[in-house]
Amino acid sequence: MYAHLWGTPAVRVVFDEPGRLQGWLDVLGALARAQAAYGLVPEAAAQAISALTADQLDLDVVAERTRATGHSTLGLIDALAAVLPPQVHAHVHVGATVQDLTDTWTATALRVVLAEVRRDLVRLQTLLVDLAVAHRAGRGCDRP
């Protein structure tokens, strides 16, 4: 009912639950790939983690576990255990805290927000310059 008031379609895609979950998975995948590059986790584990998509997860399980525990990512961790091979479980978010995951996702999500803001500011600047030029020349401006 109110979603259209709080952002653009691109921003809503990032912040809606599937987008947020995919963003968290993307962060976990990037972490696993970086750790594999330094030999901290097996390459096969990094590939399995990086291949995850939000649509593979049982979102009902994620929601149920999140409600039951009050923990923002425990449901996600449980859902990951259901879709990843057992030998990969120990290599998910090695050395990273929940806060690391959510902070990194927030920073990457803000890239989308800031790109949208920049686009709108450039558009506004163009409209204001057109308006100033039109009024300086003694014509009105036909643009809204």
N, C-alpha and C. Protein backbone atom coordinates (compact mmCIF):
# COMPACT_ATOMS: atom_id res chain seq x y z
N MET A 1 0.81 -1.19 0.00
CA MET A 1 0.00 0.00 0.00
C MET A 1 0.86 1.27 0.00
N TYR A 2 1.98 1.24 0.72
CA TYR A 2 2.81 2.44 0.82
C TYR A 2 4.19 2.28 0.20
N ALA A 3 4.51 1.10 -0.28
CA ALA A 3 5.88 0.84 -0.77
C ALA A 3 6.31 1.83 -1.84
N HIS A 4 5.37 2.26 -2.67
CA HIS A 4 5.73 3.19 -3.75
C HIS A 4 6.22 4.54 -3.21
N LEU A 5 5.92 4.83 -1.97
CA LEU A 5 6.34 6.11 -1.38
C LEU A 5 7.77 6.06 -0.85
N TRP A 6 8.31 4.89 -0.63
CA TRP A 6 9.57 4.76 0.09
C TRP A 6 10.72 4.31 -0.78
N GLY A 7 10.72 4.67 -2.02
CA GLY A 7 11.87 4.33 -2.85
C GLY A 7 11.46 4.02 -4.27
N THR A 8 12.45 3.75 -5.05
CA THR A 8 12.25 3.42 -6.45
C THR A 8 12.12 1.90 -6.58
N PRO A 9 11.68 1.41 -7.73
CA PRO A 9 11.62 -0.05 -7.91
C PRO A 9 12.98 -0.72 -7.68
N ALA A 10 14.05 -0.11 -8.15
CA ALA A 10 15.39 -0.70 -7.96
C ALA A 10 15.75 -0.80 -6.49
N VAL A 11 15.42 0.20 -5.71
CA VAL A 11 15.72 0.19 -4.28
C VAL A 11 14.86 -0.83 -3.56
N ARG A 12 13.59 -0.91 -3.93
CA ARG A 12 12.70 -1.88 -3.29
C ARG A 12 13.16 -3.31 -3.56
N VAL A 13 13.69 -3.60 -4.75
CA VAL A 13 14.19 -4.94 -5.06
C VAL A 13 15.33 -5.31 -4.11
N VAL A 14 16.20 -4.38 -3.80
CA VAL A 14 17.33 -4.64 -2.92
C VAL A 14 16.87 -4.87 -1.48
N PHE A 15 15.89 -4.10 -1.02
CA PHE A 15 15.50 -4.14 0.39
C PHE A 15 14.36 -5.10 0.70
N ASP A 16 13.63 -5.58 -0.31
CA ASP A 16 12.61 -6.59 -0.04
C ASP A 16 13.29 -7.86 0.46
N GLU A 17 12.54 -8.72 1.13
CA GLU A 17 13.14 -9.91 1.74
C GLU A 17 13.95 -10.76 0.76
N PRO A 18 13.42 -11.12 -0.40
CA PRO A 18 14.25 -11.94 -1.31
C PRO A 18 15.55 -11.21 -1.71
N GLY A 19 15.46 -9.92 -1.94
CA GLY A 19 16.66 -9.16 -2.30
C GLY A 19 17.66 -9.09 -1.17
N ARG A 20 17.16 -8.89 0.04
CA ARG A 20 18.05 -8.86 1.21
C ARG A 20 18.72 -10.22 1.39
N LEU A 21 17.94 -11.30 1.30
CA LEU A 21 18.53 -12.63 1.44
C LEU A 21 19.57 -12.90 0.37
N GLN A 22 19.26 -12.51 -0.88
CA GLN A 22 20.23 -12.71 -1.95
C GLN A 22 21.47 -11.87 -1.70
N GLY A 23 21.28 -10.68 -1.20
CA GLY A 23 22.43 -9.84 -0.86
C GLY A 23 23.30 -10.47 0.20
N TRP A 24 22.68 -11.05 1.23
CA TRP A 24 23.45 -11.74 2.26
C TRP A 24 24.19 -12.92 1.66
N LEU A 25 23.51 -13.67 0.79
CA LEU A 25 24.17 -14.81 0.14
C LEU A 25 25.34 -14.35 -0.73
N ASP A 26 25.16 -13.23 -1.41
CA ASP A 26 26.25 -12.69 -2.24
C ASP A 26 27.46 -12.33 -1.38
N VAL A 27 27.21 -11.75 -0.21
CA VAL A 27 28.30 -11.41 0.71
C VAL A 27 28.99 -12.68 1.18
N LEU A 28 28.20 -13.69 1.57
CA LEU A 28 28.80 -14.95 2.01
C LEU A 28 29.61 -15.60 0.89
N GLY A 29 29.11 -15.52 -0.34
CA GLY A 29 29.84 -16.07 -1.48
C GLY A 29 31.15 -15.34 -1.72
N ALA A 30 31.12 -14.01 -1.64
CA ALA A 30 32.34 -13.22 -1.84
C ALA A 30 33.36 -13.53 -0.74
N LEU A 31 32.88 -13.66 0.48
CA LEU A 31 33.77 -14.01 1.60
C LEU A 31 34.40 -15.38 1.36
N ALA A 32 33.59 -16.35 0.97
CA ALA A 32 34.11 -17.71 0.74
C ALA A 32 35.13 -17.72 -0.40
N ARG A 33 34.85 -16.97 -1.47
CA ARG A 33 35.81 -16.93 -2.58
C ARG A 33 37.13 -16.29 -2.16
N ALA A 34 37.06 -15.22 -1.38
CA ALA A 34 38.28 -14.57 -0.91
C ALA A 34 39.05 -15.51 0.02
N GLN A 35 38.33 -16.20 0.88
CA GLN A 35 38.99 -17.12 1.79
C GLN A 35 39.60 -18.31 1.04
N ALA A 36 38.93 -18.77 0.00
CA ALA A 36 39.48 -19.87 -0.81
C ALA A 36 40.76 -19.42 -1.52
N ALA A 37 40.78 -18.17 -1.96
CA ALA A 37 41.97 -17.66 -2.64
C ALA A 37 43.19 -17.68 -1.73
N TYR A 38 42.95 -17.59 -0.42
CA TYR A 38 44.06 -17.63 0.55
C TYR A 38 44.18 -18.98 1.25
N GLY A 39 43.45 -19.97 0.75
CA GLY A 39 43.55 -21.31 1.29
C GLY A 39 42.88 -21.52 2.64
N LEU A 40 42.00 -20.62 3.02
CA LEU A 40 41.33 -20.73 4.32
C LEU A 40 40.12 -21.65 4.28
N VAL A 41 39.50 -21.76 3.12
CA VAL A 41 38.40 -22.70 2.93
C VAL A 41 38.64 -23.42 1.61
N PRO A 42 38.14 -24.64 1.48
CA PRO A 42 38.32 -25.37 0.22
C PRO A 42 37.62 -24.66 -0.95
N GLU A 43 38.23 -24.73 -2.10
CA GLU A 43 37.66 -24.13 -3.31
C GLU A 43 36.26 -24.67 -3.59
N ALA A 44 36.08 -25.97 -3.40
CA ALA A 44 34.76 -26.58 -3.66
C ALA A 44 33.69 -25.99 -2.74
N ALA A 45 34.06 -25.73 -1.50
CA ALA A 45 33.11 -25.12 -0.56
C ALA A 45 32.77 -23.70 -1.00
N ALA A 46 33.77 -22.95 -1.42
CA ALA A 46 33.54 -21.58 -1.89
C ALA A 46 32.63 -21.57 -3.10
N GLN A 47 32.84 -22.52 -4.01
CA GLN A 47 31.98 -22.60 -5.19
C GLN A 47 30.54 -22.92 -4.81
N ALA A 48 30.36 -23.85 -3.88
CA ALA A 48 29.01 -24.22 -3.45
C ALA A 48 28.31 -23.04 -2.77
N ILE A 49 29.03 -22.32 -1.93
CA ILE A 49 28.45 -21.16 -1.24
C ILE A 49 28.13 -20.06 -2.24
N SER A 50 29.02 -19.82 -3.18
CA SER A 50 28.83 -18.77 -4.18
C SER A 50 27.67 -19.06 -5.12
N ALA A 51 27.34 -20.32 -5.30
CA ALA A 51 26.27 -20.70 -6.23
C ALA A 51 24.88 -20.57 -5.62
N LEU A 52 24.80 -20.29 -4.33
CA LEU A 52 23.50 -20.22 -3.67
C LEU A 52 22.66 -19.05 -4.18
N THR A 53 21.38 -19.30 -4.31
CA THR A 53 20.43 -18.24 -4.64
C THR A 53 19.28 -18.28 -3.63
N ALA A 54 18.67 -17.15 -3.41
CA ALA A 54 17.61 -17.04 -2.41
C ALA A 54 16.44 -17.97 -2.72
N ASP A 55 16.19 -18.22 -4.00
CA ASP A 55 15.05 -19.08 -4.34
C ASP A 55 15.30 -20.55 -4.00
N GLN A 56 16.53 -20.90 -3.64
CA GLN A 56 16.82 -22.27 -3.20
C GLN A 56 16.45 -22.49 -1.74
N LEU A 57 16.27 -21.40 -1.00
CA LEU A 57 16.03 -21.49 0.43
C LEU A 57 14.54 -21.65 0.73
N ASP A 58 14.25 -22.36 1.78
CA ASP A 58 12.87 -22.48 2.26
C ASP A 58 12.61 -21.25 3.13
N LEU A 59 11.95 -20.26 2.55
CA LEU A 59 11.75 -18.99 3.25
C LEU A 59 10.84 -19.16 4.46
N ASP A 60 9.99 -20.16 4.46
CA ASP A 60 9.17 -20.44 5.64
C ASP A 60 10.04 -20.86 6.82
N VAL A 61 11.06 -21.68 6.54
CA VAL A 61 12.00 -22.09 7.59
C VAL A 61 12.79 -20.88 8.09
N VAL A 62 13.25 -20.06 7.16
CA VAL A 62 13.99 -18.85 7.55
C VAL A 62 13.12 -18.00 8.47
N ALA A 63 11.88 -17.75 8.08
CA ALA A 63 10.99 -16.91 8.88
C ALA A 63 10.67 -17.55 10.23
N GLU A 64 10.37 -18.84 10.23
CA GLU A 64 10.03 -19.54 11.47
C GLU A 64 11.18 -19.48 12.47
N ARG A 65 12.39 -19.78 12.01
CA ARG A 65 13.56 -19.76 12.90
C ARG A 65 13.90 -18.35 13.36
N THR A 66 13.70 -17.38 12.49
CA THR A 66 13.97 -16.00 12.88
C THR A 66 12.99 -15.56 13.96
N ARG A 67 11.72 -15.89 13.78
CA ARG A 67 10.72 -15.55 14.81
C ARG A 67 11.00 -16.28 16.12
N ALA A 68 11.34 -17.55 16.03
CA ALA A 68 11.53 -18.36 17.23
C ALA A 68 12.75 -17.92 18.04
N THR A 69 13.78 -17.45 17.36
CA THR A 69 15.02 -17.12 18.06
C THR A 69 15.23 -15.62 18.25
N GLY A 70 14.57 -14.80 17.44
CA GLY A 70 14.82 -13.36 17.48
C GLY A 70 16.18 -12.99 16.91
N HIS A 71 16.83 -13.93 16.27
CA HIS A 71 18.17 -13.74 15.70
C HIS A 71 18.02 -13.46 14.21
N SER A 72 18.63 -12.40 13.74
CA SER A 72 18.40 -11.95 12.37
C SER A 72 18.86 -12.91 11.29
N THR A 73 19.85 -13.74 11.57
CA THR A 73 20.35 -14.62 10.52
C THR A 73 20.35 -16.10 10.88
N LEU A 74 19.89 -16.47 12.06
CA LEU A 74 19.89 -17.88 12.43
C LEU A 74 18.99 -18.69 11.49
N GLY A 75 17.86 -18.14 11.11
CA GLY A 75 17.00 -18.82 10.14
C GLY A 75 17.71 -19.03 8.82
N LEU A 76 18.47 -18.05 8.39
CA LEU A 76 19.24 -18.18 7.15
C LEU A 76 20.29 -19.28 7.31
N ILE A 77 20.97 -19.31 8.42
CA ILE A 77 22.00 -20.33 8.64
C ILE A 77 21.38 -21.72 8.62
N ASP A 78 20.22 -21.87 9.27
CA ASP A 78 19.53 -23.16 9.26
C ASP A 78 19.09 -23.55 7.85
N ALA A 79 18.59 -22.59 7.08
CA ALA A 79 18.16 -22.87 5.71
C ALA A 79 19.36 -23.24 4.84
N LEU A 80 20.50 -22.62 5.08
CA LEU A 80 21.71 -22.96 4.33
C LEU A 80 22.13 -24.40 4.61
N ALA A 81 22.01 -24.81 5.87
CA ALA A 81 22.38 -26.17 6.24
C ALA A 81 21.52 -27.19 5.49
N ALA A 82 20.29 -26.79 5.17
CA ALA A 82 19.39 -27.71 4.48
C ALA A 82 19.73 -27.86 2.99
N VAL A 83 20.40 -26.87 2.40
CA VAL A 83 20.66 -26.93 0.96
C VAL A 83 22.13 -27.17 0.61
N LEU A 84 23.01 -26.93 1.54
CA LEU A 84 24.44 -27.14 1.28
C LEU A 84 24.86 -28.55 1.70
N PRO A 85 25.81 -29.13 0.99
CA PRO A 85 26.34 -30.43 1.40
C PRO A 85 26.95 -30.32 2.81
N PRO A 86 26.83 -31.38 3.61
CA PRO A 86 27.35 -31.32 4.99
C PRO A 86 28.82 -30.90 5.08
N GLN A 87 29.65 -31.29 4.12
CA GLN A 87 31.07 -30.93 4.18
C GLN A 87 31.31 -29.44 3.96
N VAL A 88 30.29 -28.71 3.54
CA VAL A 88 30.44 -27.27 3.30
C VAL A 88 30.02 -26.46 4.53
N HIS A 89 29.18 -27.02 5.39
CA HIS A 89 28.61 -26.27 6.52
C HIS A 89 29.65 -25.53 7.34
N ALA A 90 30.76 -26.17 7.62
CA ALA A 90 31.79 -25.56 8.47
C ALA A 90 32.50 -24.39 7.79
N HIS A 91 32.27 -24.20 6.50
CA HIS A 91 33.00 -23.16 5.77
C HIS A 91 32.15 -21.94 5.44
N VAL A 92 30.92 -21.92 5.93
CA VAL A 92 30.03 -20.76 5.71
C VAL A 92 30.33 -19.72 6.78
N HIS A 93 30.58 -18.53 6.38
CA HIS A 93 30.89 -17.35 7.21
C HIS A 93 32.00 -17.59 8.24
N VAL A 94 33.07 -18.23 7.80
CA VAL A 94 34.23 -18.47 8.68
C VAL A 94 34.83 -17.12 9.07
N GLY A 95 34.92 -16.91 10.38
CA GLY A 95 35.55 -15.69 10.88
C GLY A 95 34.71 -14.44 10.78
N ALA A 96 33.50 -14.56 10.28
CA ALA A 96 32.64 -13.39 10.12
C ALA A 96 31.48 -13.47 11.11
N THR A 97 31.13 -12.34 11.66
CA THR A 97 29.99 -12.28 12.58
C THR A 97 28.73 -11.91 11.81
N VAL A 98 27.61 -12.03 12.47
CA VAL A 98 26.34 -11.59 11.89
C VAL A 98 26.44 -10.11 11.55
N GLN A 99 27.05 -9.34 12.42
CA GLN A 99 27.20 -7.91 12.17
C GLN A 99 28.06 -7.65 10.95
N ASP A 100 29.11 -8.43 10.76
CA ASP A 100 29.94 -8.29 9.55
C ASP A 100 29.10 -8.51 8.30
N LEU A 101 28.28 -9.55 8.34
CA LEU A 101 27.43 -9.88 7.20
C LEU A 101 26.44 -8.76 6.91
N THR A 102 25.72 -8.33 7.94
CA THR A 102 24.69 -7.33 7.71
C THR A 102 25.28 -5.96 7.37
N ASP A 103 26.39 -5.60 8.00
CA ASP A 103 27.03 -4.32 7.68
C ASP A 103 27.55 -4.30 6.24
N THR A 104 28.16 -5.41 5.81
CA THR A 104 28.67 -5.47 4.44
C THR A 104 27.53 -5.40 3.45
N TRP A 105 26.44 -6.14 3.73
CA TRP A 105 25.28 -6.07 2.84
C TRP A 105 24.72 -4.65 2.80
N THR A 106 24.62 -3.99 3.95
CA THR A 106 24.08 -2.63 3.98
C THR A 106 24.93 -1.70 3.12
N ALA A 107 26.24 -1.82 3.23
CA ALA A 107 27.12 -0.97 2.43
C ALA A 107 26.92 -1.22 0.94
N THR A 108 26.76 -2.48 0.54
CA THR A 108 26.56 -2.76 -0.88
C THR A 108 25.16 -2.32 -1.33
N ALA A 109 24.17 -2.45 -0.45
CA ALA A 109 22.82 -1.99 -0.80
C ALA A 109 22.79 -0.47 -0.99
N LEU A 110 23.59 0.22 -0.20
CA LEU A 110 23.62 1.68 -0.32
C LEU A 110 24.19 2.14 -1.66
N ARG A 111 24.97 1.30 -2.31
CA ARG A 111 25.43 1.65 -3.67
C ARG A 111 24.24 1.85 -4.60
N VAL A 112 23.26 0.97 -4.49
CA VAL A 112 22.06 1.08 -5.32
C VAL A 112 21.30 2.35 -4.96
N VAL A 113 21.13 2.58 -3.67
CA VAL A 113 20.39 3.77 -3.21
C VAL A 113 21.09 5.03 -3.71
N LEU A 114 22.39 5.10 -3.52
CA LEU A 114 23.13 6.30 -3.93
C LEU A 114 23.13 6.49 -5.45
N ALA A 115 23.15 5.42 -6.19
CA ALA A 115 23.05 5.54 -7.66
C ALA A 115 21.70 6.12 -8.05
N GLU A 116 20.64 5.70 -7.38
CA GLU A 116 19.31 6.24 -7.65
C GLU A 116 19.25 7.72 -7.27
N VAL A 117 19.80 8.07 -6.13
CA VAL A 117 19.81 9.46 -5.69
C VAL A 117 20.61 10.31 -6.67
N ARG A 118 21.76 9.81 -7.09
CA ARG A 118 22.59 10.56 -8.05
C ARG A 118 21.83 10.78 -9.35
N ARG A 119 21.19 9.72 -9.86
CA ARG A 119 20.42 9.85 -11.09
C ARG A 119 19.35 10.94 -10.97
N ASP A 120 18.64 10.95 -9.84
CA ASP A 120 17.59 11.94 -9.64
C ASP A 120 18.17 13.34 -9.48
N LEU A 121 19.31 13.46 -8.82
CA LEU A 121 19.93 14.77 -8.66
C LEU A 121 20.44 15.32 -10.00
N VAL A 122 20.99 14.46 -10.83
CA VAL A 122 21.44 14.90 -12.16
C VAL A 122 20.24 15.35 -12.99
N ARG A 123 19.15 14.61 -12.91
CA ARG A 123 17.91 14.99 -13.63
C ARG A 123 17.40 16.34 -13.11
N LEU A 124 17.40 16.52 -11.79
CA LEU A 124 16.96 17.78 -11.20
C LEU A 124 17.86 18.92 -11.64
N GLN A 125 19.16 18.69 -11.65
CA GLN A 125 20.10 19.72 -12.07
C GLN A 125 19.81 20.14 -13.52
N THR A 126 19.57 19.18 -14.38
CA THR A 126 19.26 19.47 -15.79
C THR A 126 17.99 20.31 -15.89
N LEU A 127 16.97 19.94 -15.15
CA LEU A 127 15.72 20.71 -15.18
C LEU A 127 15.92 22.13 -14.66
N LEU A 128 16.69 22.28 -13.59
CA LEU A 128 16.93 23.62 -13.03
C LEU A 128 17.75 24.50 -13.98
N VAL A 129 18.74 23.90 -14.62
CA VAL A 129 19.53 24.67 -15.60
C VAL A 129 18.64 25.10 -16.75
N ASP A 130 17.81 24.19 -17.26
CA ASP A 130 16.88 24.54 -18.35
C ASP A 130 15.96 25.68 -17.92
N LEU A 131 15.45 25.61 -16.71
CA LEU A 131 14.56 26.64 -16.20
C LEU A 131 15.28 27.98 -16.07
N ALA A 132 16.50 27.97 -15.55
CA ALA A 132 17.28 29.20 -15.40
C ALA A 132 17.59 29.82 -16.76
N VAL A 133 17.97 28.99 -17.71
CA VAL A 133 18.29 29.48 -19.06
C VAL A 133 17.03 30.08 -19.70
N ALA A 134 15.93 29.41 -19.56
CA ALA A 134 14.68 29.90 -20.14
C ALA A 134 14.27 31.24 -19.53
N HIS A 135 14.38 31.38 -18.24
CA HIS A 135 13.99 32.64 -17.60
C HIS A 135 14.99 33.75 -17.88
N ARG A 136 16.25 33.42 -18.00
CA ARG A 136 17.26 34.42 -18.33
C ARG A 136 17.00 34.98 -19.72
N ALA A 137 16.53 34.13 -20.61
CA ALA A 137 16.25 34.54 -21.98
C ALA A 137 14.89 35.23 -22.11
N GLY A 138 14.17 35.33 -20.99
CA GLY A 138 12.89 36.01 -21.02
C GLY A 138 11.73 35.13 -21.47
N ARG A 139 11.97 33.83 -21.63
CA ARG A 139 10.88 32.93 -21.98
C ARG A 139 10.49 32.20 -20.72
N GLY A 140 9.32 31.74 -20.69
CA GLY A 140 8.89 30.87 -19.60
C GLY A 140 9.51 29.49 -19.82
N CYS A 141 9.13 28.61 -19.05
CA CYS A 141 9.61 27.24 -19.22
C CYS A 141 8.40 26.35 -19.35
N ASP A 142 8.36 25.56 -20.44
CA ASP A 142 7.23 24.69 -20.68
C ASP A 142 7.33 23.38 -19.91
N ARG A 143 8.48 23.08 -19.36
CA ARG A 143 8.66 21.81 -18.67
C ARG A 143 8.14 21.90 -17.24
N PRO A 144 7.56 20.83 -16.74
CA PRO A 144 7.07 20.84 -15.35
C PRO A 144 8.21 20.88 -14.35
